[in-house]
C-alpha cells in the first residue's frame, strides 16, 4: 500500500499558481511550510484592532523603520506568510525588489481571535525557526498582548521562544529595537468590546 502525501509548494510554484489565476479573487492565501493556507475571514473587532495598530506604529516609527500591514514576508523557500503587521529595517528600494526576509525583520505581529491556536502553535514555531527575534500576538479572545522573544530549538527539534510575557490592555510595551518607543495598548485595543467576537 502506498502512503498518501500532500503536494508541497515552493514560493516560485506558489507565485506561478497566482499568475495563472488559480486563487479566488479575494486572494486571501499564504504559503506556510509548503502548504497553501486560506486565511480566516476577519471580524470587525480584528479589523478595528489591526487598523488602530497600523496607525499607531506608523506614527511612532515615522522613518525609523518600515511598517508593513498584511504584506508578504519570505522566511524560507516554502514559506511566505502575510502577518498582520511587520516592522522591518529600512530598505533603499522600499522592498520593491523583494519582500522582507528574516534578517530584515525586527518584529512580527498577528492579531488573533479565531486563529489564536494556530498563531500560538504553527505560526509561532515557524517564526522561531526562521530566527524572528520578536513575535507579538494581539490576543482578542483574552484581550491582552502576548510577546515572545529569544527563539530557540528544543531538544525534540521543534522551535519555540524562551521568553513569553503578557501585557494588559491598559499598559505600555516597548517596541523591539527601539527602547525609547513605548506603545500604549489602550490606543490599540478598541475601547468598546463587542458582545460577540
Protein backbone atom coordinates (compact mmCIF):
# COMPACT_ATOMS: atom_id res chain seq x y z
CA UNK A 1 0.00 0.00 0.00
CA UNK A 2 1.37 3.43 -0.97
CA UNK A 3 1.34 6.22 1.62
CA UNK A 4 -0.63 9.33 0.67
CA UNK A 5 1.39 12.54 0.76
CA UNK A 6 0.25 16.09 0.12
CA UNK A 7 1.91 18.18 -2.58
CA UNK A 8 4.09 20.86 -1.05
CA UNK A 9 4.79 24.03 -2.99
CA UNK A 10 7.83 26.26 -3.25
CA UNK A 11 7.44 30.04 -3.29
CA UNK A 12 8.18 30.03 -7.03
CA UNK A 13 5.40 27.47 -7.66
CA UNK A 14 3.03 29.41 -5.40
CA UNK A 15 3.67 32.62 -7.35
CA UNK A 16 3.17 30.80 -10.64
CA UNK A 17 -0.22 29.49 -9.47
CA UNK A 18 -1.21 33.07 -8.60
CA UNK A 19 -0.11 34.26 -12.06
CA UNK A 20 -2.26 31.54 -13.64
CA UNK A 21 -5.31 32.75 -11.69
CA UNK A 22 -5.51 29.64 -9.53
CA UNK A 23 -6.67 31.51 -6.42
CA UNK A 24 -10.05 33.06 -5.78
CA UNK A 25 -10.50 36.75 -6.46
CA UNK A 26 -10.03 37.72 -2.79
CA UNK A 27 -6.53 36.16 -2.85
CA UNK A 28 -6.63 35.55 0.93
CA UNK A 29 -3.96 32.87 0.96
CA UNK A 30 -0.47 32.44 2.34
CA UNK A 31 2.21 29.78 1.96
CA UNK A 32 3.22 28.06 5.21
CA UNK A 33 5.82 25.27 5.06
CA UNK A 34 4.78 24.39 1.51
CA UNK A 35 1.04 24.35 2.23
CA UNK A 36 -1.30 26.90 0.71
CA UNK A 37 -3.44 28.15 3.60
CA UNK A 38 -6.67 30.10 3.18
CA UNK A 39 -6.69 32.93 5.70
CA UNK A 40 -9.62 33.26 8.09
CA UNK A 41 -12.31 35.85 7.49
CA UNK A 42 -11.76 38.90 9.70
CA UNK A 43 -14.23 40.03 12.33
CA UNK A 44 -14.88 43.76 12.74
CA UNK A 45 -13.02 43.58 16.07
CA UNK A 46 -9.96 42.15 14.31
CA UNK A 47 -10.11 44.81 11.60
CA UNK A 48 -10.50 47.66 14.10
CA UNK A 49 -7.59 46.47 16.23
CA UNK A 50 -5.41 45.96 13.16
CA UNK A 51 -6.21 49.43 11.79
CA UNK A 52 -5.56 51.12 15.13
CA UNK A 53 -2.25 49.26 15.50
CA UNK A 54 -1.11 50.20 11.99
CA UNK A 55 -1.92 53.86 12.63
CA UNK A 56 -0.07 53.95 15.94
CA UNK A 57 3.02 52.13 14.63
CA UNK A 58 3.25 54.34 11.53
CA UNK A 59 3.12 57.47 13.72
CA UNK A 60 5.65 56.12 16.20
CA UNK A 61 8.14 54.73 13.73
CA UNK A 62 7.99 57.71 11.34
CA UNK A 63 11.00 56.99 9.12
CA UNK A 64 12.96 54.94 11.67
CA UNK A 65 11.78 51.62 10.18
CA UNK A 66 9.38 50.22 7.60
CA UNK A 67 5.91 49.31 8.91
CA UNK A 68 4.03 46.86 6.67
CA UNK A 69 0.45 45.75 7.16
CA UNK A 70 -0.70 42.35 5.89
CA UNK A 71 2.06 42.10 3.30
CA UNK A 72 4.19 39.02 2.49
CA UNK A 73 7.50 38.17 4.11
CA UNK A 74 9.90 35.47 2.91
CA UNK A 75 11.07 33.02 5.58
CA UNK A 76 12.32 30.07 3.50
CA UNK A 77 11.90 28.50 0.05
CA UNK A 78 8.46 27.23 1.08
CA UNK A 79 7.08 29.86 3.50
CA UNK A 80 5.68 33.25 2.57
CA UNK A 81 3.24 34.24 5.33
CA UNK A 82 1.36 37.55 5.41
CA UNK A 83 1.38 38.66 9.06
CA UNK A 84 -1.00 41.36 10.23
CA UNK A 85 1.95 43.67 10.90
CA UNK A 86 5.71 43.69 10.42
CA UNK A 87 8.34 46.20 11.42
CA UNK A 88 11.32 45.79 9.11
CA UNK A 89 14.60 47.63 8.70
CA UNK A 90 14.50 50.45 6.18
CA UNK A 91 15.49 49.36 2.68
CA UNK A 92 16.80 51.66 -0.06
CA UNK A 93 14.22 50.42 -2.59
CA UNK A 94 11.38 50.07 -0.05
CA UNK A 95 11.31 46.29 -0.65
CA UNK A 96 10.43 46.72 -4.32
CA UNK A 97 12.95 44.05 -5.41
CA UNK A 98 11.93 41.51 -2.75
CA UNK A 99 9.69 41.13 0.27
CA UNK A 100 11.46 41.39 3.65
CA UNK A 101 13.34 38.28 4.77
CA UNK A 102 14.15 37.10 8.29
CA UNK A 103 17.31 39.23 8.56
CA UNK A 104 15.29 42.36 7.72
CA UNK A 105 12.57 41.83 10.31
CA UNK A 106 12.54 43.41 13.78
CA UNK A 107 9.02 42.39 14.82
CA UNK A 108 6.18 40.22 13.50
CA UNK A 109 2.62 40.77 14.80
CA UNK A 110 -0.51 38.67 14.44
CA UNK A 111 -3.95 39.89 15.56
CA UNK A 112 -5.78 36.77 16.72
CA UNK A 113 -9.32 35.75 17.53
CA UNK A 114 -10.46 32.64 15.64
CA UNK A 115 -6.82 31.94 14.66
CA UNK A 116 -5.36 32.15 18.18
CA UNK A 117 -4.47 28.46 18.48
CA UNK A 118 -2.89 28.43 15.00
CA UNK A 119 -0.92 31.62 15.69
CA UNK A 120 0.34 30.26 19.03
CA UNK A 121 1.47 26.95 17.56
CA UNK A 122 2.10 26.85 13.81
CA UNK A 123 2.96 30.50 13.23
CA UNK A 124 4.97 30.78 16.47
CA UNK A 125 7.05 27.72 15.59
CA UNK A 126 7.63 29.00 12.04
CA UNK A 127 8.73 32.45 13.20
CA UNK A 128 11.01 30.99 15.89
CA UNK A 129 12.59 28.57 13.39
CA UNK A 130 13.17 31.46 10.99
CA UNK A 131 15.04 33.39 13.67
CA UNK A 132 12.46 36.16 14.08
CA UNK A 133 13.67 37.71 17.34
CA UNK A 134 10.34 39.18 18.47
CA UNK A 135 6.79 37.94 17.84
CA UNK A 136 3.63 39.53 19.22
CA UNK A 137 0.10 38.18 19.33
CA UNK A 138 -2.72 40.64 19.96
CA UNK A 139 -4.98 38.12 21.68
CA UNK A 140 -8.56 39.32 21.11
CA UNK A 141 -10.02 36.35 23.00
CA UNK A 142 -8.43 37.25 26.35
CA UNK A 143 -7.94 40.94 25.44
CA UNK A 144 -4.19 41.05 26.02
CA UNK A 145 -0.91 41.25 24.16
CA UNK A 146 1.39 38.22 24.23
CA UNK A 147 5.03 38.99 23.47
CA UNK A 148 7.53 36.28 22.58
CA UNK A 149 11.30 36.70 22.32
CA UNK A 150 14.54 34.70 22.21
CA UNK A 151 13.81 31.96 19.67
CA UNK A 152 15.43 28.58 20.30
CA UNK A 153 15.34 24.94 19.22
CA UNK A 154 14.07 22.40 21.74
CA UNK A 155 15.80 19.07 22.36
CA UNK A 156 12.95 17.46 20.41
CA UNK A 157 13.91 19.50 17.34
CA UNK A 158 10.89 21.82 17.31
CA UNK A 159 11.21 25.59 17.73
CA UNK A 160 9.80 27.94 20.34
CA UNK A 161 10.53 31.16 22.23
CA UNK A 162 12.25 31.17 25.61
CA UNK A 163 10.52 34.31 26.91
CA UNK A 164 6.76 34.91 26.95
CA UNK A 165 5.19 37.97 28.55
CA UNK A 166 1.57 39.08 28.86
CA UNK A 167 0.85 42.81 28.61
CA UNK A 168 -2.59 44.06 29.66
CA UNK A 169 -4.68 46.44 27.50
CA UNK A 170 -4.13 49.40 29.88
CA UNK A 171 -0.32 49.02 29.85
CA UNK A 172 2.58 50.08 27.63
CA UNK A 173 5.02 47.89 25.71
CA UNK A 174 8.44 48.83 24.32
CA UNK A 175 8.94 48.38 20.56
CA UNK A 176 11.75 45.84 19.95
CA UNK A 177 14.89 47.57 18.72
CA UNK A 178 13.59 50.98 19.81
CA UNK A 179 13.92 51.24 23.61
CA UNK A 180 12.80 54.88 23.52
CA UNK A 181 9.43 53.99 21.93
CA UNK A 182 6.54 52.60 24.00
CA UNK A 183 3.17 51.64 22.56
CA UNK A 184 0.09 52.48 24.66
CA UNK A 185 -2.09 49.39 24.26
CA UNK A 186 -5.23 51.32 25.25
CA UNK A 187 -4.91 53.06 21.85
CA UNK A 188 -4.89 49.71 20.04
CA UNK A 189 -7.49 47.56 21.77
CA UNK A 190 -10.86 49.10 20.86
CA UNK A 191 -12.46 50.80 23.89
CA UNK A 192 -15.88 49.22 23.33
CA UNK A 193 -15.61 45.48 23.08
CA UNK A 194 -18.27 43.68 21.07
CA UNK A 195 -20.58 41.28 22.88
CA UNK A 196 -19.66 38.54 20.42
CA UNK A 197 -16.31 38.29 18.69
